[in-house]
Amino acid sequence: MKLFSNSKSKSIVFIFSIIAISIFNNCASTYKPISLQPLSFPVNNIDSAISFSYRYDILNETDNKKYAKHENDLDIRLVAVKFINNSKKEINLSQNISYIIGGKEIIPINRKIIQDKLSQGVGGYFLYLLLTPLVITKTTQNGYGPPEVDKTHIGYILGPGLMIGNMAVASSANKDFSMDLLNYDLSGKILQPGESAYGLIGFQDIGYQAINIKVK
């Protein structure tokens, strides 16, 4: 692809600009780790055994916009939750707790599925290689002789550079996201009497309905 200094190149420049804008709008973004402990959790469900509270939109609140967009596009809700064991017995948060949404029991999504669904795609950044043929051509007319043509092959650096950079950012961000999901995974978590636990739980197709729990 070439960019010329004369007016005949305007259509080429326009096409290149459209391609460049389209690609740049899909740049990778970093991931900002989530810290649930400092957040306020208004109590939603409390009984003699356990207190339960939750927050929607945790990805938006922590400014992880690309992950939040995937969440909305796929109608998945990643919910921040807090439990307090008020009983004198241990409670297994996987075996002893049911989530009631819209009047029926909803099973949380497996952590690995959430990770796969909401993570940033990496392979798409190969599209930056479309910029590899880019050449900036400058034509200078000196006197009556033939014009001097100066070519700069910026695409050799621009295309692969943007591809590698974005793939690295996306991969690192996905790794951080995966660590948050692992650190706040409540699967098999046993809550001792008086103990609190924070977690991230995913649900499919629930909108923003109220979430209640039932102790089995």
N, C-alpha and C. Protein backbone atom coordinates (compact mmCIF):
# COMPACT_ATOMS: atom_id res chain seq x y z
N MET A 1 0.84 -1.18 0.00
CA MET A 1 0.00 0.00 0.00
C MET A 1 0.89 1.24 0.00
N LYS A 2 0.58 2.22 -0.82
CA LYS A 2 1.41 3.40 -0.93
C LYS A 2 0.59 4.66 -0.67
N LEU A 3 1.26 5.64 -0.07
CA LEU A 3 0.67 6.94 0.11
C LEU A 3 1.49 7.95 -0.68
N PHE A 4 0.86 8.66 -1.64
CA PHE A 4 1.57 9.61 -2.48
C PHE A 4 1.27 11.02 -2.02
N SER A 5 2.14 11.92 -2.39
CA SER A 5 1.97 13.31 -1.99
C SER A 5 1.03 14.06 -2.92
N ASN A 6 0.69 13.51 -4.10
CA ASN A 6 -0.18 14.23 -5.03
C ASN A 6 -1.64 13.92 -4.76
N SER A 7 -2.56 14.62 -5.45
CA SER A 7 -3.99 14.50 -5.21
C SER A 7 -4.56 13.16 -5.62
N LYS A 8 -3.87 12.41 -6.50
CA LYS A 8 -4.38 11.12 -6.96
C LYS A 8 -4.40 10.08 -5.83
N SER A 9 -3.70 10.37 -4.76
CA SER A 9 -3.61 9.38 -3.68
C SER A 9 -4.71 9.53 -2.64
N LYS A 10 -5.60 10.51 -2.81
CA LYS A 10 -6.59 10.80 -1.76
C LYS A 10 -7.48 9.60 -1.48
N SER A 11 -7.92 8.90 -2.51
CA SER A 11 -8.80 7.75 -2.28
C SER A 11 -8.06 6.65 -1.53
N ILE A 12 -6.77 6.45 -1.84
CA ILE A 12 -5.98 5.43 -1.15
C ILE A 12 -5.81 5.81 0.31
N VAL A 13 -5.52 7.09 0.56
CA VAL A 13 -5.38 7.56 1.93
C VAL A 13 -6.68 7.36 2.71
N PHE A 14 -7.80 7.65 2.05
CA PHE A 14 -9.10 7.51 2.71
C PHE A 14 -9.36 6.05 3.09
N ILE A 15 -9.11 5.14 2.15
CA ILE A 15 -9.31 3.71 2.42
C ILE A 15 -8.42 3.25 3.56
N PHE A 16 -7.14 3.66 3.50
CA PHE A 16 -6.21 3.29 4.57
C PHE A 16 -6.68 3.82 5.92
N SER A 17 -7.21 5.05 5.93
CA SER A 17 -7.66 5.64 7.18
C SER A 17 -8.81 4.85 7.77
N ILE A 18 -9.74 4.40 6.94
CA ILE A 18 -10.87 3.60 7.41
C ILE A 18 -10.37 2.30 8.03
N ILE A 19 -9.43 1.64 7.34
CA ILE A 19 -8.87 0.38 7.86
C ILE A 19 -8.15 0.62 9.18
N ALA A 20 -7.35 1.69 9.22
CA ALA A 20 -6.58 1.98 10.43
C ALA A 20 -7.48 2.28 11.62
N ILE A 21 -8.54 3.09 11.40
CA ILE A 21 -9.47 3.43 12.48
C ILE A 21 -10.17 2.17 13.00
N SER A 22 -10.59 1.32 12.06
CA SER A 22 -11.27 0.08 12.44
C SER A 22 -10.37 -0.80 13.31
N ILE A 23 -9.10 -0.90 12.92
CA ILE A 23 -8.16 -1.74 13.68
C ILE A 23 -7.84 -1.11 15.02
N PHE A 24 -7.55 0.18 15.05
CA PHE A 24 -7.14 0.84 16.29
C PHE A 24 -8.27 0.86 17.33
N ASN A 25 -9.53 0.87 16.87
CA ASN A 25 -10.66 0.85 17.80
C ASN A 25 -10.77 -0.48 18.53
N ASN A 26 -10.05 -1.48 18.05
CA ASN A 26 -10.09 -2.79 18.68
C ASN A 26 -8.77 -3.12 19.38
N CYS A 27 -8.09 -2.09 19.82
CA CYS A 27 -6.82 -2.30 20.51
C CYS A 27 -7.04 -3.04 21.82
N ALA A 28 -6.03 -3.77 22.24
CA ALA A 28 -6.10 -4.49 23.51
C ALA A 28 -6.10 -3.50 24.66
N SER A 29 -6.69 -3.92 25.78
CA SER A 29 -6.69 -3.06 26.96
C SER A 29 -6.15 -3.85 28.15
N THR A 30 -5.59 -3.12 29.08
CA THR A 30 -5.05 -3.76 30.28
C THR A 30 -6.20 -4.17 31.21
N TYR A 31 -5.87 -4.99 32.20
CA TYR A 31 -6.87 -5.41 33.19
C TYR A 31 -6.47 -4.87 34.56
N LYS A 32 -7.46 -4.29 35.24
CA LYS A 32 -7.21 -3.73 36.58
C LYS A 32 -7.74 -4.72 37.63
N PRO A 33 -6.86 -5.27 38.44
CA PRO A 33 -7.27 -6.28 39.42
C PRO A 33 -8.38 -5.78 40.34
N ILE A 34 -9.25 -6.70 40.72
CA ILE A 34 -10.40 -6.40 41.57
C ILE A 34 -10.06 -6.69 43.03
N SER A 35 -10.41 -5.76 43.90
CA SER A 35 -10.25 -5.95 45.34
C SER A 35 -11.63 -5.79 45.98
N LEU A 36 -12.20 -6.87 46.45
CA LEU A 36 -13.57 -6.84 46.97
C LEU A 36 -13.66 -6.39 48.43
N GLN A 37 -12.64 -6.67 49.21
CA GLN A 37 -12.71 -6.40 50.65
C GLN A 37 -13.03 -4.94 50.99
N PRO A 38 -12.45 -3.94 50.27
CA PRO A 38 -12.75 -2.55 50.65
C PRO A 38 -14.15 -2.07 50.23
N LEU A 39 -14.86 -2.85 49.40
CA LEU A 39 -16.15 -2.41 48.89
C LEU A 39 -17.25 -2.59 49.92
N SER A 40 -18.28 -1.76 49.81
CA SER A 40 -19.44 -1.92 50.69
C SER A 40 -20.41 -2.92 50.06
N PHE A 41 -20.96 -3.79 50.88
CA PHE A 41 -21.92 -4.80 50.43
C PHE A 41 -23.18 -4.69 51.28
N PRO A 42 -24.20 -4.00 50.79
CA PRO A 42 -25.45 -3.92 51.56
C PRO A 42 -26.05 -5.31 51.73
N VAL A 43 -26.45 -5.65 52.94
CA VAL A 43 -26.98 -6.99 53.21
C VAL A 43 -28.26 -7.19 52.43
N ASN A 44 -28.33 -8.30 51.69
CA ASN A 44 -29.50 -8.60 50.87
C ASN A 44 -30.31 -9.75 51.45
N ASN A 45 -29.64 -10.73 51.99
CA ASN A 45 -30.30 -11.95 52.45
C ASN A 45 -29.64 -12.38 53.77
N ILE A 46 -30.42 -12.44 54.82
CA ILE A 46 -29.85 -12.82 56.12
C ILE A 46 -30.82 -13.75 56.85
N ASP A 47 -30.29 -14.80 57.44
CA ASP A 47 -31.09 -15.65 58.30
C ASP A 47 -30.21 -16.11 59.45
N SER A 48 -30.70 -17.07 60.19
CA SER A 48 -29.95 -17.51 61.37
C SER A 48 -28.64 -18.19 61.02
N ALA A 49 -28.53 -18.63 59.75
CA ALA A 49 -27.33 -19.38 59.36
C ALA A 49 -26.29 -18.52 58.65
N ILE A 50 -26.73 -17.66 57.72
CA ILE A 50 -25.74 -16.98 56.88
C ILE A 50 -26.28 -15.65 56.38
N SER A 51 -25.37 -14.68 56.24
CA SER A 51 -25.68 -13.40 55.60
C SER A 51 -25.12 -13.41 54.19
N PHE A 52 -25.87 -12.84 53.25
CA PHE A 52 -25.46 -12.82 51.85
C PHE A 52 -25.74 -11.44 51.26
N SER A 53 -24.76 -10.89 50.57
CA SER A 53 -24.93 -9.62 49.86
C SER A 53 -24.15 -9.68 48.55
N TYR A 54 -24.49 -8.78 47.62
CA TYR A 54 -23.88 -8.85 46.30
C TYR A 54 -23.87 -7.49 45.61
N ARG A 55 -23.06 -7.41 44.57
CA ARG A 55 -22.97 -6.20 43.73
C ARG A 55 -22.88 -6.62 42.26
N TYR A 56 -23.72 -6.02 41.45
CA TYR A 56 -23.60 -6.18 40.00
C TYR A 56 -22.56 -5.19 39.46
N ASP A 57 -22.22 -5.35 38.16
CA ASP A 57 -21.37 -4.40 37.42
C ASP A 57 -19.98 -4.22 38.01
N ILE A 58 -19.42 -5.27 38.59
CA ILE A 58 -18.10 -5.14 39.21
C ILE A 58 -17.02 -4.85 38.17
N LEU A 59 -17.18 -5.36 36.94
CA LEU A 59 -16.17 -5.10 35.90
C LEU A 59 -16.21 -3.64 35.45
N ASN A 60 -17.39 -3.07 35.32
CA ASN A 60 -17.50 -1.65 34.99
C ASN A 60 -16.97 -0.78 36.11
N GLU A 61 -17.29 -1.14 37.34
CA GLU A 61 -16.85 -0.35 38.49
C GLU A 61 -15.34 -0.31 38.63
N THR A 62 -14.69 -1.37 38.19
CA THR A 62 -13.23 -1.42 38.29
C THR A 62 -12.56 -0.99 36.99
N ASP A 63 -13.35 -0.40 36.08
CA ASP A 63 -12.85 0.18 34.83
C ASP A 63 -12.25 -0.87 33.90
N ASN A 64 -12.79 -2.08 33.93
CA ASN A 64 -12.39 -3.12 32.97
C ASN A 64 -13.43 -3.17 31.85
N LYS A 65 -13.44 -2.11 31.03
CA LYS A 65 -14.50 -1.88 30.06
C LYS A 65 -14.60 -2.96 29.00
N LYS A 66 -13.48 -3.45 28.51
CA LYS A 66 -13.53 -4.45 27.44
C LYS A 66 -14.15 -5.75 27.96
N TYR A 67 -13.82 -6.12 29.19
CA TYR A 67 -14.40 -7.33 29.78
C TYR A 67 -15.89 -7.11 30.08
N ALA A 68 -16.23 -5.90 30.52
CA ALA A 68 -17.63 -5.58 30.79
C ALA A 68 -18.46 -5.61 29.50
N LYS A 69 -17.85 -5.19 28.39
CA LYS A 69 -18.55 -5.22 27.10
C LYS A 69 -18.86 -6.66 26.70
N HIS A 70 -17.87 -7.54 26.87
CA HIS A 70 -18.11 -8.96 26.57
C HIS A 70 -19.21 -9.51 27.47
N GLU A 71 -19.21 -9.09 28.72
CA GLU A 71 -20.22 -9.52 29.68
C GLU A 71 -21.62 -9.15 29.19
N ASN A 72 -21.78 -7.90 28.74
CA ASN A 72 -23.08 -7.43 28.27
C ASN A 72 -23.47 -8.08 26.95
N ASP A 73 -22.50 -8.21 26.04
CA ASP A 73 -22.79 -8.79 24.73
C ASP A 73 -23.27 -10.24 24.85
N LEU A 74 -22.73 -10.96 25.82
CA LEU A 74 -23.05 -12.39 25.98
C LEU A 74 -24.12 -12.62 27.04
N ASP A 75 -24.64 -11.53 27.62
CA ASP A 75 -25.66 -11.62 28.67
C ASP A 75 -25.20 -12.49 29.83
N ILE A 76 -23.94 -12.30 30.20
CA ILE A 76 -23.38 -12.95 31.39
C ILE A 76 -23.24 -11.88 32.47
N ARG A 77 -23.53 -12.24 33.71
CA ARG A 77 -23.36 -11.30 34.81
C ARG A 77 -22.32 -11.86 35.78
N LEU A 78 -21.22 -11.13 35.89
CA LEU A 78 -20.20 -11.47 36.89
C LEU A 78 -20.54 -10.67 38.14
N VAL A 79 -20.90 -11.37 39.19
CA VAL A 79 -21.43 -10.74 40.40
C VAL A 79 -20.43 -10.88 41.55
N ALA A 80 -20.17 -9.78 42.22
CA ALA A 80 -19.35 -9.81 43.43
C ALA A 80 -20.25 -10.15 44.61
N VAL A 81 -19.84 -11.11 45.43
CA VAL A 81 -20.68 -11.56 46.54
C VAL A 81 -19.89 -11.59 47.85
N LYS A 82 -20.64 -11.52 48.94
CA LYS A 82 -20.05 -11.62 50.27
C LYS A 82 -20.94 -12.52 51.14
N PHE A 83 -20.31 -13.45 51.85
CA PHE A 83 -21.02 -14.33 52.77
C PHE A 83 -20.45 -14.15 54.18
N ILE A 84 -21.31 -14.25 55.17
CA ILE A 84 -20.88 -14.30 56.58
C ILE A 84 -21.60 -15.48 57.23
N ASN A 85 -20.85 -16.37 57.81
CA ASN A 85 -21.43 -17.53 58.49
C ASN A 85 -21.86 -17.13 59.90
N ASN A 86 -23.17 -17.05 60.12
CA ASN A 86 -23.71 -16.67 61.42
C ASN A 86 -23.99 -17.87 62.32
N SER A 87 -23.79 -19.06 61.79
CA SER A 87 -24.13 -20.27 62.54
C SER A 87 -22.94 -20.76 63.35
N LYS A 88 -23.17 -21.85 64.04
CA LYS A 88 -22.10 -22.48 64.81
C LYS A 88 -21.54 -23.70 64.09
N LYS A 89 -21.94 -23.86 62.81
CA LYS A 89 -21.46 -24.97 62.01
C LYS A 89 -20.77 -24.45 60.77
N GLU A 90 -19.88 -25.24 60.20
CA GLU A 90 -19.26 -24.85 58.94
C GLU A 90 -20.27 -25.00 57.80
N ILE A 91 -20.14 -24.15 56.80
CA ILE A 91 -21.04 -24.16 55.64
C ILE A 91 -20.21 -24.30 54.38
N ASN A 92 -20.54 -25.28 53.58
CA ASN A 92 -19.88 -25.46 52.28
C ASN A 92 -20.65 -24.63 51.25
N LEU A 93 -19.99 -23.62 50.69
CA LEU A 93 -20.68 -22.68 49.80
C LEU A 93 -21.06 -23.30 48.46
N SER A 94 -20.51 -24.45 48.14
CA SER A 94 -20.92 -25.16 46.92
C SER A 94 -22.08 -26.11 47.20
N GLN A 95 -22.02 -26.82 48.31
CA GLN A 95 -23.00 -27.87 48.60
C GLN A 95 -24.21 -27.39 49.38
N ASN A 96 -24.03 -26.37 50.22
CA ASN A 96 -25.10 -25.96 51.13
C ASN A 96 -25.84 -24.69 50.71
N ILE A 97 -25.46 -24.09 49.60
CA ILE A 97 -26.08 -22.83 49.17
C ILE A 97 -26.69 -22.98 47.78
N SER A 98 -27.96 -22.55 47.65
CA SER A 98 -28.62 -22.47 46.35
C SER A 98 -28.91 -21.00 46.05
N TYR A 99 -28.79 -20.61 44.79
CA TYR A 99 -29.07 -19.24 44.37
C TYR A 99 -30.45 -19.20 43.72
N ILE A 100 -31.31 -18.35 44.25
CA ILE A 100 -32.68 -18.24 43.76
C ILE A 100 -32.82 -16.91 43.03
N ILE A 101 -33.10 -16.99 41.72
CA ILE A 101 -33.23 -15.79 40.88
C ILE A 101 -34.50 -15.95 40.04
N GLY A 102 -35.38 -14.95 40.12
CA GLY A 102 -36.62 -15.04 39.37
C GLY A 102 -37.49 -16.20 39.81
N GLY A 103 -37.41 -16.57 41.08
CA GLY A 103 -38.25 -17.61 41.62
C GLY A 103 -37.79 -19.03 41.36
N LYS A 104 -36.60 -19.19 40.78
CA LYS A 104 -36.10 -20.54 40.54
C LYS A 104 -34.61 -20.62 40.84
N GLU A 105 -34.14 -21.84 41.06
CA GLU A 105 -32.73 -22.03 41.37
C GLU A 105 -31.90 -21.91 40.10
N ILE A 106 -30.84 -21.10 40.16
CA ILE A 106 -29.93 -20.90 39.03
C ILE A 106 -28.54 -21.39 39.43
N ILE A 107 -27.96 -22.22 38.59
CA ILE A 107 -26.62 -22.74 38.86
C ILE A 107 -25.58 -21.76 38.32
N PRO A 108 -24.60 -21.38 39.14
CA PRO A 108 -23.54 -20.47 38.65
C PRO A 108 -22.74 -21.10 37.51
N ILE A 109 -22.18 -20.25 36.65
CA ILE A 109 -21.35 -20.70 35.54
C ILE A 109 -19.98 -21.11 36.06
N ASN A 110 -19.45 -22.16 35.49
CA ASN A 110 -18.11 -22.61 35.85
C ASN A 110 -17.07 -21.52 35.59
N ARG A 111 -16.11 -21.41 36.49
CA ARG A 111 -15.08 -20.36 36.39
C ARG A 111 -14.35 -20.40 35.05
N LYS A 112 -14.01 -21.58 34.55
CA LYS A 112 -13.29 -21.70 33.30
C LYS A 112 -14.11 -21.17 32.12
N ILE A 113 -15.42 -21.39 32.17
CA ILE A 113 -16.30 -20.90 31.10
C ILE A 113 -16.34 -19.38 31.12
N ILE A 114 -16.44 -18.80 32.32
CA ILE A 114 -16.43 -17.33 32.44
C ILE A 114 -15.14 -16.78 31.85
N GLN A 115 -14.03 -17.40 32.21
CA GLN A 115 -12.73 -16.96 31.71
C GLN A 115 -12.68 -17.00 30.19
N ASP A 116 -13.12 -18.11 29.59
CA ASP A 116 -13.08 -18.26 28.14
C ASP A 116 -14.02 -17.27 27.45
N LYS A 117 -15.20 -17.06 28.02
CA LYS A 117 -16.20 -16.21 27.38
C LYS A 117 -15.85 -14.72 27.45
N LEU A 118 -15.31 -14.27 28.58
CA LEU A 118 -15.12 -12.84 28.79
C LEU A 118 -13.71 -12.34 28.46
N SER A 119 -12.76 -13.23 28.29
CA SER A 119 -11.39 -12.80 28.02
C SER A 119 -11.28 -12.15 26.64
N GLN A 120 -10.26 -11.32 26.49
CA GLN A 120 -10.01 -10.66 25.21
C GLN A 120 -9.47 -11.67 24.20
N GLY A 121 -9.95 -11.56 22.96
CA GLY A 121 -9.40 -12.39 21.90
C GLY A 121 -7.99 -11.94 21.56
N VAL A 122 -7.13 -12.87 21.23
CA VAL A 122 -5.74 -12.55 20.91
C VAL A 122 -5.46 -12.70 19.41
N GLY A 123 -6.03 -13.72 18.81
CA GLY A 123 -5.75 -14.01 17.40
C GLY A 123 -6.14 -12.90 16.44
N GLY A 124 -7.15 -12.11 16.81
CA GLY A 124 -7.62 -11.05 15.91
C GLY A 124 -6.59 -9.98 15.61
N TYR A 125 -5.56 -9.89 16.45
CA TYR A 125 -4.57 -8.84 16.24
C TYR A 125 -3.61 -9.16 15.09
N PHE A 126 -3.74 -10.34 14.50
CA PHE A 126 -2.99 -10.62 13.27
C PHE A 126 -3.41 -9.68 12.15
N LEU A 127 -4.60 -9.06 12.29
CA LEU A 127 -5.06 -8.11 11.27
C LEU A 127 -4.12 -6.93 11.12
N TYR A 128 -3.35 -6.66 12.16
CA TYR A 128 -2.39 -5.56 12.04
C TYR A 128 -1.36 -5.81 10.95
N LEU A 129 -1.19 -7.07 10.57
CA LEU A 129 -0.25 -7.38 9.49
C LEU A 129 -0.71 -6.82 8.16
N LEU A 130 -1.99 -6.43 8.08
CA LEU A 130 -2.48 -5.77 6.86
C LEU A 130 -1.76 -4.45 6.61
N LEU A 131 -1.17 -3.92 7.67
CA LEU A 131 -0.44 -2.65 7.53
C LEU A 131 1.00 -2.85 7.05
N THR A 132 1.45 -4.11 6.96
CA THR A 132 2.84 -4.37 6.59
C THR A 132 3.24 -3.80 5.24
N PRO A 133 2.37 -3.86 4.19
CA PRO A 133 2.79 -3.33 2.88
C PRO A 133 2.82 -1.80 2.81
N LEU A 134 2.48 -1.12 3.88
CA LEU A 134 2.37 0.33 3.84
C LEU A 134 3.71 1.00 3.52
N VAL A 135 3.68 1.83 2.50
CA VAL A 135 4.87 2.59 2.08
C VAL A 135 4.47 4.05 1.94
N ILE A 136 5.24 4.92 2.52
CA ILE A 136 5.03 6.36 2.32
C ILE A 136 5.99 6.81 1.22
N THR A 137 5.44 7.33 0.16
CA THR A 137 6.23 7.76 -0.99
C THR A 137 6.17 9.28 -1.12
N LYS A 138 7.34 9.89 -1.17
CA LYS A 138 7.42 11.34 -1.35
C LYS A 138 8.12 11.63 -2.66
N THR A 139 7.45 12.38 -3.52
CA THR A 139 8.00 12.73 -4.83
C THR A 139 8.39 14.21 -4.85
N THR A 140 9.63 14.47 -5.21
CA THR A 140 10.13 15.85 -5.25
C THR A 140 10.62 16.16 -6.66
N GLN A 141 10.15 17.30 -7.21
CA GLN A 141 10.56 17.74 -8.54
C GLN A 141 11.65 18.80 -8.41
N ASN A 142 12.85 18.49 -8.92
CA ASN A 142 13.96 19.43 -8.88
C ASN A 142 14.29 19.89 -10.29
N GLY A 143 13.94 21.11 -10.60
CA GLY A 143 14.26 21.65 -11.94
C GLY A 143 13.50 20.91 -13.03
N TYR A 144 14.22 20.64 -14.14
CA TYR A 144 13.60 20.01 -15.30
C TYR A 144 13.93 18.52 -15.41
N GLY A 145 14.68 18.00 -14.47
CA GLY A 145 15.04 16.58 -14.51
C GLY A 145 13.91 15.69 -14.00
N PRO A 146 14.16 14.41 -14.00
CA PRO A 146 13.15 13.47 -13.50
C PRO A 146 12.91 13.69 -12.01
N PRO A 147 11.69 13.42 -11.54
CA PRO A 147 11.40 13.61 -10.11
C PRO A 147 12.17 12.61 -9.25
N GLU A 148 12.50 13.05 -8.07
CA GLU A 148 13.15 12.17 -7.11
C GLU A 148 12.08 11.52 -6.22
N VAL A 149 12.17 10.21 -6.08
CA VAL A 149 11.19 9.45 -5.31
C VAL A 149 11.87 8.87 -4.07
N ASP A 150 11.30 9.19 -2.92
CA ASP A 150 11.82 8.70 -1.65
C ASP A 150 10.76 7.81 -0.99
N LYS A 151 11.09 6.55 -0.76
CA LYS A 151 10.12 5.60 -0.19
C LYS A 151 10.53 5.20 1.24
N THR A 152 9.55 5.20 2.12
CA THR A 152 9.76 4.76 3.50
C THR A 152 8.83 3.60 3.78
N HIS A 153 9.40 2.43 4.03
CA HIS A 153 8.60 1.22 4.26
C HIS A 153 8.24 1.11 5.74
N ILE A 154 7.33 1.97 6.17
CA ILE A 154 6.98 1.99 7.59
C ILE A 154 6.15 0.77 8.01
N GLY A 155 5.52 0.13 7.06
CA GLY A 155 4.67 -1.02 7.38
C GLY A 155 5.42 -2.19 7.98
N TYR A 156 6.73 -2.32 7.61
CA TYR A 156 7.52 -3.43 8.14
C TYR A 156 7.65 -3.36 9.66
N ILE A 157 7.61 -2.15 10.19
CA ILE A 157 7.70 -1.95 11.64
C ILE A 157 6.31 -1.80 12.25
N LEU A 158 5.45 -1.02 11.58
CA LEU A 158 4.14 -0.69 12.12
C LEU A 158 3.25 -1.92 12.30
N GLY A 159 3.11 -2.72 11.22
CA GLY A 159 2.22 -3.87 11.27
C GLY A 159 2.61 -4.89 12.32
N PRO A 160 3.80 -5.51 12.19
CA PRO A 160 4.21 -6.50 13.20
C PRO A 160 4.33 -5.92 14.61
N GLY A 161 4.77 -4.66 14.70
CA GLY A 161 4.93 -4.04 16.02
C GLY A 161 3.60 -3.92 16.76
N LEU A 162 2.58 -3.43 16.04
CA LEU A 162 1.26 -3.30 16.65
C LEU A 162 0.66 -4.66 16.99
N MET A 163 0.89 -5.63 16.12
CA MET A 163 0.38 -6.98 16.36
C MET A 163 0.98 -7.57 17.64
N ILE A 164 2.31 -7.55 17.73
CA ILE A 164 2.99 -8.13 18.88
C ILE A 164 2.63 -7.39 20.17
N GLY A 165 2.60 -6.05 20.09
CA GLY A 165 2.28 -5.26 21.27
C GLY A 165 0.89 -5.54 21.81
N ASN A 166 -0.10 -5.58 20.92
CA ASN A 166 -1.47 -5.82 21.35
C ASN A 166 -1.68 -7.24 21.86
N MET A 167 -1.03 -8.20 21.21
CA MET A 167 -1.15 -9.59 21.67
C MET A 167 -0.55 -9.73 23.07
N ALA A 168 0.55 -9.04 23.31
CA ALA A 168 1.18 -9.11 24.63
C ALA A 168 0.29 -8.48 25.70
N VAL A 169 -0.31 -7.32 25.40
CA VAL A 169 -1.18 -6.65 26.36
C VAL A 169 -2.41 -7.51 26.66
N ALA A 170 -3.03 -8.06 25.60
CA ALA A 170 -4.24 -8.87 25.79
C ALA A 170 -3.93 -10.14 26.59
N SER A 171 -2.82 -10.78 26.28
CA SER A 171 -2.46 -12.01 26.99
C SER A 171 -2.20 -11.74 28.47
N SER A 172 -1.49 -10.64 28.76
CA SER A 172 -1.20 -10.28 30.14
C SER A 172 -2.49 -9.94 30.90
N ALA A 173 -3.39 -9.20 30.23
CA ALA A 173 -4.65 -8.82 30.86
C ALA A 173 -5.50 -10.06 31.14
N ASN A 174 -5.56 -10.98 30.20
CA ASN A 174 -6.33 -12.21 30.40
C ASN A 174 -5.78 -13.04 31.55
N LYS A 175 -4.47 -13.03 31.69
CA LYS A 175 -3.85 -13.75 32.80
C LYS A 175 -4.25 -13.15 34.14
N ASP A 176 -4.26 -11.80 34.21
CA ASP A 176 -4.66 -11.13 35.44
C ASP A 176 -6.14 -11.39 35.76
N PHE A 177 -6.97 -11.38 34.72
CA PHE A 177 -8.39 -11.67 34.89
C PHE A 177 -8.58 -13.09 35.42
N SER A 178 -7.84 -14.01 34.84
CA SER A 178 -7.91 -15.41 35.28
C SER A 178 -7.52 -15.56 36.75
N MET A 179 -6.51 -14.80 37.17
CA MET A 179 -6.07 -14.86 38.57
C MET A 179 -7.15 -14.34 39.51
N ASP A 180 -7.86 -13.27 39.12
CA ASP A 180 -8.95 -12.76 39.94
C ASP A 180 -10.05 -13.81 40.09
N LEU A 181 -10.41 -14.44 38.97
CA LEU A 181 -11.45 -15.47 39.02
C LEU A 181 -11.03 -16.63 39.92
N LEU A 182 -9.76 -16.97 39.87
CA LEU A 182 -9.25 -18.06 40.72
C LEU A 182 -9.23 -17.66 42.19
N ASN A 183 -8.73 -16.46 42.46
CA ASN A 183 -8.61 -16.00 43.85
C ASN A 183 -9.98 -15.83 44.52
N TYR A 184 -11.00 -15.49 43.72
CA TYR A 184 -12.34 -15.27 44.27
C TYR A 184 -13.29 -16.41 43.91
N ASP A 185 -12.74 -17.56 43.61
CA ASP A 185 -13.56 -18.73 43.31
C ASP A 185 -14.04 -19.35 44.62
N LEU A 186 -15.35 -19.50 44.76
CA LEU A 186 -15.92 -20.04 46.00
C LEU A 186 -16.25 -21.53 45.89
N SER A 187 -15.90 -22.15 44.77
CA SER A 187 -16.18 -23.58 44.60
C SER A 187 -15.47 -24.39 45.68
N GLY A 188 -16.26 -25.13 46.44
CA GLY A 188 -15.68 -25.96 47.50
C GLY A 188 -15.25 -25.20 48.73
N LYS A 189 -15.52 -23.90 48.75
CA LYS A 189 -15.13 -23.09 49.90
C LYS A 189 -15.95 -23.46 51.13
N ILE A 190 -15.28 -23.75 52.23
CA ILE A 190 -15.94 -24.09 53.49
C ILE A 190 -15.79 -22.91 54.44
N LEU A 191 -16.93 -22.37 54.82
CA LEU A 191 -16.96 -21.17 55.66
C LEU A 191 -17.13 -21.60 57.13
N GLN A 192 -16.15 -21.24 57.94
CA GLN A 192 -16.18 -21.59 59.35
C GLN A 192 -17.12 -20.64 60.12
N PRO A 193 -17.61 -21.03 61.29
CA PRO A 193 -18.48 -20.14 62.08
C PRO A 193 -17.85 -18.76 62.30
N GLY A 194 -18.63 -17.71 61.99
CA GLY A 194 -18.15 -16.34 62.16
C GLY A 194 -17.26 -15.85 61.04
N GLU A 195 -16.92 -16.70 60.08
CA GLU A 195 -16.00 -16.33 59.01
C GLU A 195 -16.74 -15.65 57.85
N SER A 196 -16.03 -14.73 57.17
CA SER A 196 -16.55 -14.06 55.98
C SER A 196 -15.81 -14.56 54.74
N ALA A 197 -16.47 -14.46 53.59
CA ALA A 197 -15.83 -14.84 52.33
C ALA A 197 -16.35 -13.94 51.22
N TYR A 198 -15.44 -13.52 50.35
CA TYR A 198 -15.79 -12.72 49.17
C TYR A 198 -15.57 -13.57 47.93
N GLY A 199 -16.41 -13.35 46.92
CA GLY A 199 -16.25 -14.15 45.71
C GLY A 199 -16.78 -13.46 44.47
N LEU A 200 -16.44 -14.04 43.31
CA LEU A 200 -16.97 -13.62 42.02
C LEU A 200 -17.72 -14.81 41.43
N ILE A 201 -19.01 -14.60 41.15
CA ILE A 201 -19.86 -15.68 40.65
C ILE A 201 -20.51 -15.22 39.35
N GLY A 202 -20.53 -16.10 38.35
CA GLY A 202 -21.13 -15.76 37.07
C GLY A 202 -22.46 -16.46 36.86
N PHE A 203 -23.42 -15.72 36.27
CA PHE A 203 -24.72 -16.29 35.91
C PHE A 203 -25.04 -15.93 34.46
N GLN A 204 -25.82 -16.78 33.81
CA GLN A 204 -26.20 -16.56 32.42
C GLN A 204 -27.68 -16.17 32.33
N ASP A 205 -27.95 -15.14 31.52
CA ASP A 205 -29.33 -14.74 31.18
C ASP A 205 -30.20 -14.44 32.40
N ILE A 206 -29.68 -13.66 33.32
CA ILE A 206 -30.49 -13.29 34.49
C ILE A 206 -30.81 -11.81 34.53
N GLY A 207 -30.24 -11.03 33.59
CA GLY A 207 -30.44 -9.59 33.63
C GLY A 207 -29.87 -9.03 34.91
N TYR A 208 -30.67 -8.16 35.56
CA TYR A 208 -30.25 -7.59 36.85
C TYR A 208 -31.29 -7.91 37.92
N GLN A 209 -31.80 -9.13 37.88
CA GLN A 209 -32.80 -9.54 38.85
C GLN A 209 -32.18 -9.69 40.25
N ALA A 210 -33.06 -9.62 41.23
CA ALA A 210 -32.61 -9.81 42.62
C ALA A 210 -32.10 -11.24 42.80
N ILE A 211 -31.04 -11.37 43.59
CA ILE A 211 -30.45 -12.68 43.87
C ILE A 211 -30.67 -12.98 45.35
N ASN A 212 -31.26 -14.13 45.61
CA ASN A 212 -31.44 -14.60 46.98
C ASN A 212 -30.76 -15.97 47.11
N ILE A 213 -30.56 -16.37 48.34
CA ILE A 213 -29.95 -17.68 48.57
C ILE A 213 -30.85 -18.53 49.46
N LYS A 214 -30.65 -19.80 49.36
CA LYS A 214 -31.34 -20.76 50.21
C LYS A 214 -30.31 -21.69 50.80
N VAL A 215 -30.33 -21.86 52.11
CA VAL A 215 -29.39 -22.74 52.78
C VAL A 215 -29.98 -24.15 52.81
N LYS A 216 -29.25 -25.09 52.24
CA LYS A 216 -29.73 -26.47 52.18
C LYS A 216 -29.48 -27.19 53.51
